């Protein structure tokens, strides 16, 4: 099944907009990455 949840930055739905900064911080090794690594 094709993925339908890939959007360019200007078309990210409002309900998912808060994840843009979180994903960026994760990729850059920021604070959000430490929280994610603490799981499991």
Protein backbone atom coordinates (compact mmCIF):
# COMPACT_ATOMS: atom_id res chain seq x y z
CA UNK A 1 0.00 0.00 0.00
CA UNK A 2 1.45 3.41 -0.93
CA UNK A 3 2.26 5.93 1.77
CA UNK A 4 -0.08 8.92 1.79
CA UNK A 5 1.37 10.87 4.72
CA UNK A 6 4.40 12.49 3.09
CA UNK A 7 4.01 16.26 2.74
CA UNK A 8 6.28 19.15 1.87
CA UNK A 9 6.65 21.61 4.75
CA UNK A 10 4.03 24.03 3.45
CA UNK A 11 1.39 21.28 3.15
CA UNK A 12 1.75 19.53 6.53
CA UNK A 13 -1.73 19.27 8.10
CA UNK A 14 -2.22 21.43 11.20
CA UNK A 15 -2.72 18.40 13.45
CA UNK A 16 0.81 17.18 12.56
CA UNK A 17 2.60 20.54 12.35
CA UNK A 18 4.04 20.25 15.87
CA UNK A 19 6.03 17.19 14.78
CA UNK A 20 8.04 19.15 12.22
CA UNK A 21 10.26 20.76 14.88
CA UNK A 22 10.41 17.55 16.93
CA UNK A 23 11.61 15.58 13.91
CA UNK A 24 14.18 18.25 13.06
CA UNK A 25 15.49 18.24 16.64
CA UNK A 26 15.75 14.45 16.58
CA UNK A 27 17.78 14.46 13.39
CA UNK A 28 20.05 17.20 14.71
CA UNK A 29 20.70 15.32 17.98
CA UNK A 30 18.84 17.83 20.12
CA UNK A 31 16.91 17.41 23.34
CA UNK A 32 14.10 15.49 21.66
CA UNK A 33 16.56 12.75 20.70
CA UNK A 34 17.47 12.13 24.36
CA UNK A 35 13.80 11.60 25.22
CA UNK A 36 13.31 9.13 22.37
CA UNK A 37 16.46 7.17 23.25
CA UNK A 38 15.21 6.76 26.81
CA UNK A 39 12.31 4.59 25.64
CA UNK A 40 12.27 0.80 25.51
